[in-house]
């Protein structure tokens, strides 16, 4: 499975890289929503993980909305430190398929990836 992860925190990227390697999946990372929006096209990924808050610039929610408008239909999962129901609702409204709260533990991340793994 090819996964795209948009995240500006190196520690979070390292965790996802480790889990993806264990599962023998492939990973492409982007450090900002703007960079991801310039690169991601329909069919590029089986699963997209995105932070919501990048500190400045486009948010992960805005990115999801833009990717959906572009025709990207891969599942998009919001990963964020915000666990407010308001964020969950916003994430669903813009086209996220799921929402997971940081810090993400490894078993939960593995289960999440497996839940979205395409049938072979």
N, C-alpha and C. Protein backbone atom coordinates (compact mmCIF):
# COMPACT_ATOMS: atom_id res chain seq x y z
N UNK A 1 0.85 -1.17 0.00
CA UNK A 1 0.00 0.00 0.00
C UNK A 1 0.90 1.23 0.00
N UNK A 2 0.52 2.23 -0.79
CA UNK A 2 1.27 3.48 -0.80
C UNK A 2 0.52 4.51 0.04
N UNK A 3 1.22 5.08 1.02
CA UNK A 3 0.65 6.04 1.95
C UNK A 3 1.34 7.38 1.76
N UNK A 4 0.57 8.45 1.80
CA UNK A 4 1.10 9.81 1.82
C UNK A 4 0.81 10.38 3.20
N UNK A 5 1.82 11.02 3.79
CA UNK A 5 1.67 11.63 5.11
C UNK A 5 2.10 13.08 5.04
N UNK A 6 1.19 13.98 5.42
CA UNK A 6 1.50 15.41 5.45
C UNK A 6 1.60 15.81 6.91
N UNK A 7 2.81 16.17 7.33
CA UNK A 7 3.09 16.43 8.74
C UNK A 7 4.34 17.29 8.85
N UNK A 8 4.33 18.25 9.78
CA UNK A 8 5.50 19.12 9.95
C UNK A 8 6.36 18.76 11.16
N UNK A 9 5.98 17.74 11.91
CA UNK A 9 6.75 17.33 13.09
C UNK A 9 7.59 16.09 12.77
N UNK A 10 8.92 16.22 12.80
CA UNK A 10 9.79 15.08 12.45
C UNK A 10 9.57 13.84 13.32
N UNK A 11 9.24 14.02 14.59
CA UNK A 11 9.01 12.86 15.47
C UNK A 11 7.78 12.07 15.01
N UNK A 12 6.74 12.77 14.62
CA UNK A 12 5.54 12.08 14.13
C UNK A 12 5.81 11.37 12.81
N UNK A 13 6.58 12.02 11.95
CA UNK A 13 6.96 11.39 10.67
C UNK A 13 7.76 10.11 10.94
N UNK A 14 8.70 10.17 11.87
CA UNK A 14 9.54 9.01 12.18
C UNK A 14 8.70 7.83 12.67
N UNK A 15 7.69 8.10 13.50
CA UNK A 15 6.82 7.03 13.99
C UNK A 15 6.08 6.37 12.84
N UNK A 16 5.48 7.17 11.97
CA UNK A 16 4.73 6.61 10.85
C UNK A 16 5.68 5.87 9.90
N UNK A 17 6.87 6.42 9.65
CA UNK A 17 7.85 5.72 8.80
C UNK A 17 8.17 4.34 9.35
N UNK A 18 8.36 4.25 10.65
CA UNK A 18 8.70 2.97 11.28
C UNK A 18 7.57 1.96 11.10
N UNK A 19 6.34 2.38 11.34
CA UNK A 19 5.20 1.48 11.21
C UNK A 19 5.00 1.06 9.75
N UNK A 20 5.14 2.00 8.83
CA UNK A 20 4.98 1.71 7.40
C UNK A 20 6.04 0.69 6.94
N UNK A 21 7.27 0.88 7.39
CA UNK A 21 8.34 -0.07 7.03
C UNK A 21 8.03 -1.46 7.56
N UNK A 22 7.53 -1.55 8.81
CA UNK A 22 7.19 -2.85 9.41
C UNK A 22 6.15 -3.58 8.58
N UNK A 23 5.22 -2.82 8.01
CA UNK A 23 4.13 -3.41 7.21
C UNK A 23 4.53 -3.61 5.76
N UNK A 24 5.75 -3.19 5.42
CA UNK A 24 6.26 -3.28 4.04
C UNK A 24 5.44 -2.44 3.05
N UNK A 25 4.89 -1.34 3.56
CA UNK A 25 4.20 -0.39 2.72
C UNK A 25 5.21 0.67 2.28
N UNK A 26 4.79 1.58 1.42
CA UNK A 26 5.66 2.69 1.01
C UNK A 26 5.06 3.99 1.50
N UNK A 27 5.93 4.98 1.72
CA UNK A 27 5.50 6.25 2.29
C UNK A 27 6.14 7.42 1.55
N UNK A 28 5.31 8.41 1.26
CA UNK A 28 5.77 9.69 0.76
C UNK A 28 5.35 10.73 1.78
N UNK A 29 6.26 11.63 2.16
CA UNK A 29 5.92 12.65 3.15
C UNK A 29 6.04 14.05 2.55
N UNK A 30 5.20 14.93 3.06
CA UNK A 30 5.25 16.35 2.73
C UNK A 30 5.22 17.11 4.04
N UNK A 31 5.95 18.21 4.11
CA UNK A 31 6.06 18.98 5.35
C UNK A 31 5.02 20.08 5.47
N UNK A 32 4.28 20.35 4.40
CA UNK A 32 3.25 21.39 4.46
C UNK A 32 2.09 21.00 3.55
N UNK A 33 0.94 21.58 3.87
CA UNK A 33 -0.24 21.34 3.05
C UNK A 33 -0.05 21.92 1.65
N UNK A 34 0.61 23.07 1.57
CA UNK A 34 0.83 23.70 0.27
C UNK A 34 1.70 22.81 -0.63
N UNK A 35 2.76 22.25 -0.06
CA UNK A 35 3.64 21.36 -0.82
C UNK A 35 2.87 20.13 -1.30
N UNK A 36 2.06 19.57 -0.41
CA UNK A 36 1.27 18.39 -0.76
C UNK A 36 0.28 18.71 -1.88
N UNK A 37 -0.37 19.86 -1.77
CA UNK A 37 -1.36 20.23 -2.78
C UNK A 37 -0.73 20.39 -4.16
N UNK A 38 0.50 20.86 -4.21
CA UNK A 38 1.19 21.00 -5.49
C UNK A 38 1.50 19.64 -6.12
N UNK A 39 1.67 18.61 -5.30
CA UNK A 39 2.15 17.32 -5.79
C UNK A 39 1.09 16.23 -5.94
N UNK A 40 0.16 16.16 -5.01
CA UNK A 40 -0.76 15.02 -4.97
C UNK A 40 -1.82 15.11 -6.07
N UNK A 41 -1.94 14.02 -6.81
CA UNK A 41 -2.93 13.89 -7.88
C UNK A 41 -3.78 12.65 -7.62
N UNK A 42 -4.96 12.56 -8.24
CA UNK A 42 -5.77 11.35 -8.11
C UNK A 42 -4.95 10.12 -8.49
N UNK A 43 -5.08 9.07 -7.69
CA UNK A 43 -4.38 7.81 -7.96
C UNK A 43 -2.98 7.72 -7.37
N UNK A 44 -2.50 8.78 -6.73
CA UNK A 44 -1.13 8.77 -6.19
C UNK A 44 -0.98 7.92 -4.93
N UNK A 45 -2.06 7.69 -4.19
CA UNK A 45 -1.93 7.00 -2.91
C UNK A 45 -3.12 6.10 -2.66
N UNK A 46 -2.88 5.08 -1.84
CA UNK A 46 -3.97 4.22 -1.36
C UNK A 46 -4.60 4.80 -0.10
N UNK A 47 -3.81 5.63 0.62
CA UNK A 47 -4.25 6.22 1.88
C UNK A 47 -3.47 7.51 2.11
N UNK A 48 -4.15 8.54 2.59
CA UNK A 48 -3.50 9.81 2.89
C UNK A 48 -3.74 10.13 4.36
N UNK A 49 -2.67 10.43 5.07
CA UNK A 49 -2.74 10.87 6.46
C UNK A 49 -2.33 12.32 6.49
N UNK A 50 -3.08 13.16 7.19
CA UNK A 50 -2.70 14.57 7.25
C UNK A 50 -2.93 15.16 8.63
N UNK A 51 -1.94 15.92 9.07
CA UNK A 51 -2.10 16.74 10.25
C UNK A 51 -3.15 17.79 9.93
N UNK A 52 -3.74 18.40 10.96
CA UNK A 52 -4.70 19.48 10.72
C UNK A 52 -4.04 20.84 10.85
N UNK A 53 -3.20 21.01 11.87
CA UNK A 53 -2.63 22.33 12.16
C UNK A 53 -1.14 22.35 11.82
N UNK A 54 -0.78 23.15 10.82
CA UNK A 54 0.62 23.30 10.43
C UNK A 54 1.22 24.60 10.97
N UNK A 55 0.50 25.29 11.84
CA UNK A 55 1.02 26.51 12.43
C UNK A 55 0.76 27.75 11.61
N UNK A 56 0.96 27.65 10.33
CA UNK A 56 0.69 28.77 9.43
C UNK A 56 0.34 28.21 8.06
N UNK A 57 -0.27 29.04 7.25
CA UNK A 57 -0.64 28.58 5.91
C UNK A 57 -1.90 27.73 5.92
N UNK A 58 -2.03 26.93 4.89
CA UNK A 58 -3.19 26.07 4.70
C UNK A 58 -3.27 25.01 5.79
N UNK A 59 -4.48 24.74 6.26
CA UNK A 59 -4.67 23.68 7.26
C UNK A 59 -4.87 22.34 6.56
N UNK A 60 -4.79 21.28 7.33
CA UNK A 60 -5.07 19.95 6.79
C UNK A 60 -6.51 19.80 6.33
N UNK A 61 -7.42 20.51 7.00
CA UNK A 61 -8.83 20.47 6.58
C UNK A 61 -9.02 21.15 5.23
N UNK A 62 -8.34 22.28 5.04
CA UNK A 62 -8.40 22.95 3.73
C UNK A 62 -7.75 22.09 2.66
N UNK A 63 -6.67 21.41 3.01
CA UNK A 63 -6.01 20.51 2.07
C UNK A 63 -6.95 19.39 1.65
N UNK A 64 -7.61 18.77 2.61
CA UNK A 64 -8.55 17.70 2.29
C UNK A 64 -9.62 18.18 1.33
N UNK A 65 -10.17 19.34 1.61
CA UNK A 65 -11.21 19.90 0.75
C UNK A 65 -10.69 20.13 -0.67
N UNK A 66 -9.48 20.67 -0.79
CA UNK A 66 -8.88 20.92 -2.10
C UNK A 66 -8.58 19.61 -2.84
N UNK A 67 -8.10 18.61 -2.12
CA UNK A 67 -7.81 17.31 -2.76
C UNK A 67 -9.10 16.65 -3.25
N UNK A 68 -10.14 16.72 -2.45
CA UNK A 68 -11.43 16.15 -2.88
C UNK A 68 -11.95 16.87 -4.12
N UNK A 69 -11.80 18.21 -4.15
CA UNK A 69 -12.24 18.98 -5.32
C UNK A 69 -11.43 18.59 -6.56
N UNK A 70 -10.19 18.18 -6.37
CA UNK A 70 -9.32 17.77 -7.47
C UNK A 70 -9.66 16.37 -7.95
N UNK A 71 -10.45 15.63 -7.20
CA UNK A 71 -10.83 14.28 -7.59
C UNK A 71 -10.06 13.18 -6.89
N UNK A 72 -9.29 13.53 -5.86
CA UNK A 72 -8.58 12.52 -5.08
C UNK A 72 -9.62 11.77 -4.26
N UNK A 73 -9.72 10.45 -4.48
CA UNK A 73 -10.73 9.68 -3.77
C UNK A 73 -10.14 8.68 -2.78
N UNK A 74 -8.84 8.69 -2.60
CA UNK A 74 -8.21 7.83 -1.59
C UNK A 74 -8.73 8.24 -0.21
N UNK A 75 -8.85 7.29 0.71
CA UNK A 75 -9.23 7.66 2.07
C UNK A 75 -8.24 8.68 2.64
N UNK A 76 -8.77 9.70 3.32
CA UNK A 76 -7.94 10.71 3.96
C UNK A 76 -8.26 10.70 5.45
N UNK A 77 -7.22 10.51 6.25
CA UNK A 77 -7.36 10.44 7.70
C UNK A 77 -6.72 11.68 8.32
N UNK A 78 -7.48 12.40 9.14
CA UNK A 78 -6.94 13.54 9.88
C UNK A 78 -6.27 13.01 11.14
N UNK A 79 -5.02 13.44 11.36
CA UNK A 79 -4.29 13.08 12.57
C UNK A 79 -3.93 14.38 13.27
N UNK A 80 -4.44 14.56 14.49
CA UNK A 80 -4.26 15.84 15.14
C UNK A 80 -4.25 15.72 16.66
N UNK A 81 -3.69 16.70 17.30
CA UNK A 81 -3.70 16.75 18.76
C UNK A 81 -5.05 17.26 19.28
N UNK A 82 -5.87 17.81 18.40
CA UNK A 82 -7.17 18.34 18.80
C UNK A 82 -8.21 17.22 18.85
N UNK A 83 -8.77 16.98 20.04
CA UNK A 83 -9.76 15.91 20.15
C UNK A 83 -11.17 16.45 20.39
N UNK A 84 -11.39 17.71 20.04
CA UNK A 84 -12.71 18.31 20.21
C UNK A 84 -13.68 17.78 19.14
N UNK A 85 -14.90 17.55 19.54
CA UNK A 85 -15.92 17.07 18.60
C UNK A 85 -16.09 18.02 17.42
N UNK A 86 -15.86 19.30 17.66
CA UNK A 86 -15.95 20.30 16.60
C UNK A 86 -14.98 19.98 15.46
N UNK A 87 -13.76 19.57 15.79
CA UNK A 87 -12.77 19.22 14.77
C UNK A 87 -13.16 17.94 14.04
N UNK A 88 -13.70 16.99 14.78
CA UNK A 88 -14.16 15.74 14.14
C UNK A 88 -15.24 16.07 13.12
N UNK A 89 -16.18 16.92 13.50
CA UNK A 89 -17.27 17.31 12.60
C UNK A 89 -16.74 18.04 11.37
N UNK A 90 -15.81 18.99 11.59
CA UNK A 90 -15.22 19.72 10.46
C UNK A 90 -14.48 18.76 9.53
N UNK A 91 -13.74 17.83 10.12
CA UNK A 91 -12.99 16.87 9.31
C UNK A 91 -13.93 16.07 8.42
N UNK A 92 -15.03 15.61 8.97
CA UNK A 92 -16.01 14.86 8.18
C UNK A 92 -16.63 15.73 7.09
N UNK A 93 -16.95 16.98 7.43
CA UNK A 93 -17.60 17.87 6.47
C UNK A 93 -16.74 18.16 5.24
N UNK A 94 -15.41 18.23 5.42
CA UNK A 94 -14.55 18.55 4.28
C UNK A 94 -14.11 17.32 3.50
N UNK A 95 -14.45 16.12 3.99
CA UNK A 95 -14.15 14.92 3.22
C UNK A 95 -13.19 13.94 3.83
N UNK A 96 -12.81 14.14 5.10
CA UNK A 96 -11.97 13.14 5.75
C UNK A 96 -12.78 11.88 6.01
N UNK A 97 -12.14 10.74 5.88
CA UNK A 97 -12.80 9.46 6.11
C UNK A 97 -12.72 9.03 7.56
N UNK A 98 -11.73 9.55 8.28
CA UNK A 98 -11.53 9.14 9.66
C UNK A 98 -10.72 10.22 10.37
N UNK A 99 -10.57 10.06 11.67
CA UNK A 99 -9.95 11.07 12.52
C UNK A 99 -9.26 10.33 13.65
N UNK A 100 -7.98 10.59 13.88
CA UNK A 100 -7.26 9.96 14.97
C UNK A 100 -6.49 11.03 15.74
N UNK A 101 -6.45 10.87 17.06
CA UNK A 101 -5.86 11.88 17.92
C UNK A 101 -4.43 11.50 18.30
N UNK A 102 -3.54 12.51 18.25
CA UNK A 102 -2.15 12.35 18.69
C UNK A 102 -2.11 12.49 20.20
N UNK A 103 -1.16 11.90 20.88
CA UNK A 103 -0.14 11.05 20.29
C UNK A 103 -0.73 9.69 19.90
N UNK A 104 -0.36 9.25 18.73
CA UNK A 104 -0.84 7.98 18.19
C UNK A 104 0.07 6.87 18.70
N UNK A 105 -0.55 5.83 19.25
CA UNK A 105 0.30 4.70 19.66
C UNK A 105 0.40 3.71 18.51
N UNK A 106 1.45 2.94 18.52
CA UNK A 106 1.77 2.05 17.40
C UNK A 106 0.66 1.04 17.12
N UNK A 107 0.12 0.33 18.11
CA UNK A 107 -0.95 -0.62 17.79
C UNK A 107 -2.17 0.05 17.13
N UNK A 108 -2.53 1.25 17.60
CA UNK A 108 -3.66 1.94 16.98
C UNK A 108 -3.36 2.33 15.54
N UNK A 109 -2.13 2.75 15.29
CA UNK A 109 -1.74 3.13 13.93
C UNK A 109 -1.75 1.90 13.01
N UNK A 110 -1.23 0.80 13.49
CA UNK A 110 -1.24 -0.45 12.69
C UNK A 110 -2.68 -0.85 12.37
N UNK A 111 -3.56 -0.79 13.37
CA UNK A 111 -4.97 -1.14 13.15
C UNK A 111 -5.62 -0.20 12.14
N UNK A 112 -5.29 1.08 12.23
CA UNK A 112 -5.83 2.06 11.29
C UNK A 112 -5.38 1.75 9.86
N UNK A 113 -4.09 1.51 9.68
CA UNK A 113 -3.58 1.19 8.35
C UNK A 113 -4.23 -0.08 7.81
N UNK A 114 -4.33 -1.09 8.67
CA UNK A 114 -4.95 -2.36 8.23
C UNK A 114 -6.41 -2.18 7.86
N UNK A 115 -7.11 -1.30 8.56
CA UNK A 115 -8.53 -1.06 8.26
C UNK A 115 -8.73 -0.45 6.87
N UNK A 116 -7.74 0.27 6.38
CA UNK A 116 -7.84 0.93 5.08
C UNK A 116 -7.02 0.23 4.01
N UNK A 117 -6.43 -0.90 4.34
CA UNK A 117 -5.61 -1.64 3.38
C UNK A 117 -6.50 -2.22 2.28
N UNK A 118 -6.18 -1.94 1.01
CA UNK A 118 -6.99 -2.50 -0.08
C UNK A 118 -6.91 -4.03 -0.10
N UNK A 119 -7.99 -4.64 -0.46
CA UNK A 119 -8.01 -6.11 -0.60
C UNK A 119 -7.07 -6.51 -1.74
N UNK A 120 -6.36 -7.58 -1.52
CA UNK A 120 -5.42 -8.04 -2.56
C UNK A 120 -5.98 -9.17 -3.36
